Amino acid sequence: MSESKDPIKQHRLAELITVINEIVRYWRELGRKRYDANPPADGRSFEEHWPLFLNLLLLDQAIRWSKALRPLSWNCEN
């Protein structure tokens, strides 16, 4: 049986995709609330701002993780 047809791995992948979709849905709701509270002056819709908002959230998460993991690399000879 090849790895791509392993039902356990496919099930885990489906669970991971579901979790990621829930996180993105949460971020979208957060962005919608912030957008509705302070609509931009340029008059663009939330759908036009959403990709930029998502990019900023992903960048923020990447920075937080890099800061959190930085102590693990101290005193390492890389």
N, C-alpha and C. Protein backbone atom coordinates (compact mmCIF):
# COMPACT_ATOMS: atom_id res chain seq x y z
N MET A 1 0.85 -1.18 0.00
CA MET A 1 0.00 0.00 0.00
C MET A 1 0.89 1.23 0.00
N SER A 2 0.68 2.12 -0.93
CA SER A 2 1.50 3.33 -1.01
C SER A 2 1.08 4.32 0.07
N GLU A 3 2.00 5.26 0.35
CA GLU A 3 1.73 6.23 1.41
C GLU A 3 0.56 7.15 1.06
N SER A 4 0.41 7.46 -0.21
CA SER A 4 -0.65 8.39 -0.60
C SER A 4 -2.04 7.79 -0.42
N LYS A 5 -2.12 6.45 -0.36
CA LYS A 5 -3.42 5.81 -0.21
C LYS A 5 -3.66 5.32 1.22
N ASP A 6 -2.79 5.70 2.13
CA ASP A 6 -2.93 5.29 3.53
C ASP A 6 -4.11 6.04 4.13
N PRO A 7 -5.18 5.33 4.54
CA PRO A 7 -6.38 6.00 5.05
C PRO A 7 -6.12 6.78 6.34
N ILE A 8 -5.17 6.34 7.15
CA ILE A 8 -4.88 7.06 8.40
C ILE A 8 -4.26 8.41 8.08
N LYS A 9 -3.31 8.43 7.15
CA LYS A 9 -2.68 9.69 6.78
C LYS A 9 -3.68 10.63 6.10
N GLN A 10 -4.54 10.07 5.27
CA GLN A 10 -5.55 10.90 4.61
C GLN A 10 -6.51 11.49 5.64
N HIS A 11 -6.85 10.72 6.67
CA HIS A 11 -7.74 11.20 7.72
C HIS A 11 -7.07 12.32 8.50
N ARG A 12 -5.80 12.15 8.83
CA ARG A 12 -5.06 13.19 9.55
C ARG A 12 -4.94 14.45 8.71
N LEU A 13 -4.70 14.29 7.43
CA LEU A 13 -4.62 15.44 6.54
C LEU A 13 -5.96 16.17 6.49
N ALA A 14 -7.04 15.43 6.43
CA ALA A 14 -8.37 16.05 6.41
C ALA A 14 -8.63 16.81 7.71
N GLU A 15 -8.19 16.25 8.84
CA GLU A 15 -8.35 16.95 10.12
C GLU A 15 -7.53 18.22 10.15
N LEU A 16 -6.30 18.15 9.64
CA LEU A 16 -5.43 19.33 9.60
C LEU A 16 -6.03 20.43 8.72
N ILE A 17 -6.55 20.05 7.58
CA ILE A 17 -7.18 21.03 6.69
C ILE A 17 -8.39 21.66 7.36
N THR A 18 -9.16 20.89 8.09
CA THR A 18 -10.32 21.42 8.81
C THR A 18 -9.89 22.42 9.87
N VAL A 19 -8.83 22.10 10.61
CA VAL A 19 -8.33 23.01 11.64
C VAL A 19 -7.84 24.31 11.02
N ILE A 20 -7.11 24.22 9.93
CA ILE A 20 -6.60 25.42 9.26
C ILE A 20 -7.75 26.26 8.74
N ASN A 21 -8.76 25.63 8.17
CA ASN A 21 -9.92 26.38 7.68
C ASN A 21 -10.64 27.09 8.83
N GLU A 22 -10.73 26.46 9.99
CA GLU A 22 -11.35 27.09 11.15
C GLU A 22 -10.54 28.30 11.62
N ILE A 23 -9.23 28.18 11.61
CA ILE A 23 -8.38 29.30 12.01
C ILE A 23 -8.56 30.47 11.04
N VAL A 24 -8.55 30.18 9.75
CA VAL A 24 -8.74 31.24 8.75
C VAL A 24 -10.12 31.86 8.88
N ARG A 25 -11.14 31.05 9.17
CA ARG A 25 -12.49 31.57 9.37
C ARG A 25 -12.53 32.51 10.58
N TYR A 26 -11.84 32.14 11.65
CA TYR A 26 -11.77 33.00 12.83
C TYR A 26 -11.09 34.32 12.49
N TRP A 27 -9.96 34.23 11.77
CA TRP A 27 -9.25 35.45 11.39
C TRP A 27 -10.12 36.33 10.48
N ARG A 28 -10.88 35.69 9.60
CA ARG A 28 -11.75 36.46 8.71
C ARG A 28 -12.82 37.20 9.52
N GLU A 29 -13.40 36.54 10.51
CA GLU A 29 -14.38 37.20 11.37
C GLU A 29 -13.74 38.35 12.14
N LEU A 30 -12.53 38.13 12.62
CA LEU A 30 -11.80 39.19 13.32
C LEU A 30 -11.56 40.37 12.39
N GLY A 31 -11.13 40.10 11.18
CA GLY A 31 -10.91 41.16 10.20
C GLY A 31 -12.20 41.89 9.85
N ARG A 32 -13.28 41.14 9.73
CA ARG A 32 -14.59 41.75 9.41
C ARG A 32 -15.01 42.70 10.52
N LYS A 33 -14.84 42.28 11.78
CA LYS A 33 -15.21 43.14 12.91
C LYS A 33 -14.38 44.42 12.92
N ARG A 34 -13.08 44.27 12.69
CA ARG A 34 -12.21 45.46 12.66
C ARG A 34 -12.55 46.36 11.49
N TYR A 35 -12.86 45.77 10.35
CA TYR A 35 -13.23 46.55 9.18
C TYR A 35 -14.53 47.31 9.42
N ASP A 36 -15.52 46.63 10.00
CA ASP A 36 -16.80 47.28 10.27
C ASP A 36 -16.67 48.39 11.31
N ALA A 37 -15.76 48.21 12.26
CA ALA A 37 -15.56 49.23 13.30
C ALA A 37 -14.86 50.47 12.73
N ASN A 38 -13.95 50.28 11.80
CA ASN A 38 -13.19 51.40 11.22
C ASN A 38 -13.07 51.22 9.71
N PRO A 39 -14.12 51.52 8.96
CA PRO A 39 -14.04 51.35 7.50
C PRO A 39 -13.00 52.31 6.92
N PRO A 40 -12.28 51.88 5.90
CA PRO A 40 -11.24 52.73 5.32
C PRO A 40 -11.83 53.91 4.56
N ALA A 41 -11.03 54.94 4.45
CA ALA A 41 -11.49 56.15 3.77
C ALA A 41 -11.55 55.96 2.25
N ASP A 42 -10.81 54.98 1.72
CA ASP A 42 -10.78 54.80 0.27
C ASP A 42 -12.05 54.14 -0.28
N GLY A 43 -12.92 53.64 0.61
CA GLY A 43 -14.20 53.09 0.18
C GLY A 43 -14.14 51.69 -0.39
N ARG A 44 -12.99 51.04 -0.30
CA ARG A 44 -12.89 49.67 -0.81
C ARG A 44 -13.63 48.73 0.13
N SER A 45 -14.09 47.64 -0.42
CA SER A 45 -14.86 46.67 0.37
C SER A 45 -13.93 45.79 1.21
N PHE A 46 -14.53 45.08 2.15
CA PHE A 46 -13.76 44.17 2.98
C PHE A 46 -13.08 43.10 2.13
N GLU A 47 -13.76 42.62 1.11
CA GLU A 47 -13.20 41.57 0.25
C GLU A 47 -11.93 42.04 -0.44
N GLU A 48 -11.82 43.33 -0.72
CA GLU A 48 -10.60 43.86 -1.34
C GLU A 48 -9.48 43.98 -0.31
N HIS A 49 -9.83 44.21 0.95
CA HIS A 49 -8.84 44.34 2.02
C HIS A 49 -8.45 43.00 2.63
N TRP A 50 -9.29 41.98 2.49
CA TRP A 50 -9.05 40.71 3.16
C TRP A 50 -7.70 40.07 2.84
N PRO A 51 -7.24 40.01 1.57
CA PRO A 51 -5.93 39.37 1.31
C PRO A 51 -4.79 40.08 2.05
N LEU A 52 -4.81 41.39 2.10
CA LEU A 52 -3.77 42.12 2.82
C LEU A 52 -3.86 41.84 4.32
N PHE A 53 -5.06 41.83 4.86
CA PHE A 53 -5.25 41.54 6.27
C PHE A 53 -4.74 40.14 6.61
N LEU A 54 -5.05 39.16 5.77
CA LEU A 54 -4.58 37.79 6.00
C LEU A 54 -3.06 37.72 5.93
N ASN A 55 -2.46 38.40 4.97
CA ASN A 55 -0.99 38.42 4.87
C ASN A 55 -0.37 39.00 6.14
N LEU A 56 -0.95 40.07 6.67
CA LEU A 56 -0.41 40.69 7.88
C LEU A 56 -0.56 39.75 9.08
N LEU A 57 -1.67 39.03 9.17
CA LEU A 57 -1.85 38.08 10.26
C LEU A 57 -0.84 36.94 10.18
N LEU A 58 -0.61 36.43 8.97
CA LEU A 58 0.36 35.35 8.81
C LEU A 58 1.77 35.83 9.12
N LEU A 59 2.11 37.04 8.71
CA LEU A 59 3.41 37.61 9.04
C LEU A 59 3.56 37.78 10.54
N ASP A 60 2.51 38.26 11.19
CA ASP A 60 2.53 38.44 12.64
C ASP A 60 2.76 37.10 13.34
N GLN A 61 2.07 36.06 12.90
CA GLN A 61 2.24 34.74 13.51
C GLN A 61 3.65 34.21 13.28
N ALA A 62 4.21 34.43 12.10
CA ALA A 62 5.57 33.97 11.81
C ALA A 62 6.58 34.67 12.73
N ILE A 63 6.39 35.96 12.94
CA ILE A 63 7.29 36.71 13.82
C ILE A 63 7.16 36.23 15.26
N ARG A 64 5.93 36.01 15.72
CA ARG A 64 5.73 35.51 17.09
C ARG A 64 6.40 34.16 17.29
N TRP A 65 6.26 33.25 16.32
CA TRP A 65 6.87 31.93 16.45
C TRP A 65 8.39 32.03 16.41
N SER A 66 8.92 32.89 15.55
CA SER A 66 10.38 33.00 15.48
C SER A 66 10.94 33.55 16.79
N LYS A 67 10.24 34.51 17.40
CA LYS A 67 10.68 35.04 18.69
C LYS A 67 10.55 33.99 19.79
N ALA A 68 9.50 33.19 19.74
CA ALA A 68 9.29 32.17 20.76
C ALA A 68 10.33 31.05 20.64
N LEU A 69 10.76 30.74 19.43
CA LEU A 69 11.69 29.65 19.22
C LEU A 69 13.16 30.09 19.27
N ARG A 70 13.41 31.38 19.28
CA ARG A 70 14.79 31.89 19.27
C ARG A 70 15.63 31.35 20.43
N PRO A 71 15.11 31.27 21.66
CA PRO A 71 15.94 30.74 22.75
C PRO A 71 16.43 29.31 22.53
N LEU A 72 15.73 28.55 21.72
CA LEU A 72 16.16 27.18 21.46
C LEU A 72 17.46 27.12 20.66
N SER A 73 17.77 28.18 19.93
CA SER A 73 18.98 28.18 19.11
C SER A 73 20.16 28.86 19.81
N TRP A 74 19.97 29.38 21.00
CA TRP A 74 21.08 29.99 21.73
C TRP A 74 22.10 28.91 22.09
N ASN A 75 23.34 29.29 22.08
CA ASN A 75 24.46 28.39 22.40
C ASN A 75 24.55 27.20 21.45
N CYS A 76 24.04 27.35 20.26
CA CYS A 76 24.17 26.31 19.24
C CYS A 76 25.27 26.73 18.27
N GLU A 77 26.00 25.77 17.79
CA GLU A 77 27.05 26.06 16.80
C GLU A 77 26.53 25.71 15.41
N ASN A 78 25.90 26.66 14.78
CA ASN A 78 25.33 26.42 13.43
C ASN A 78 26.21 27.07 12.41
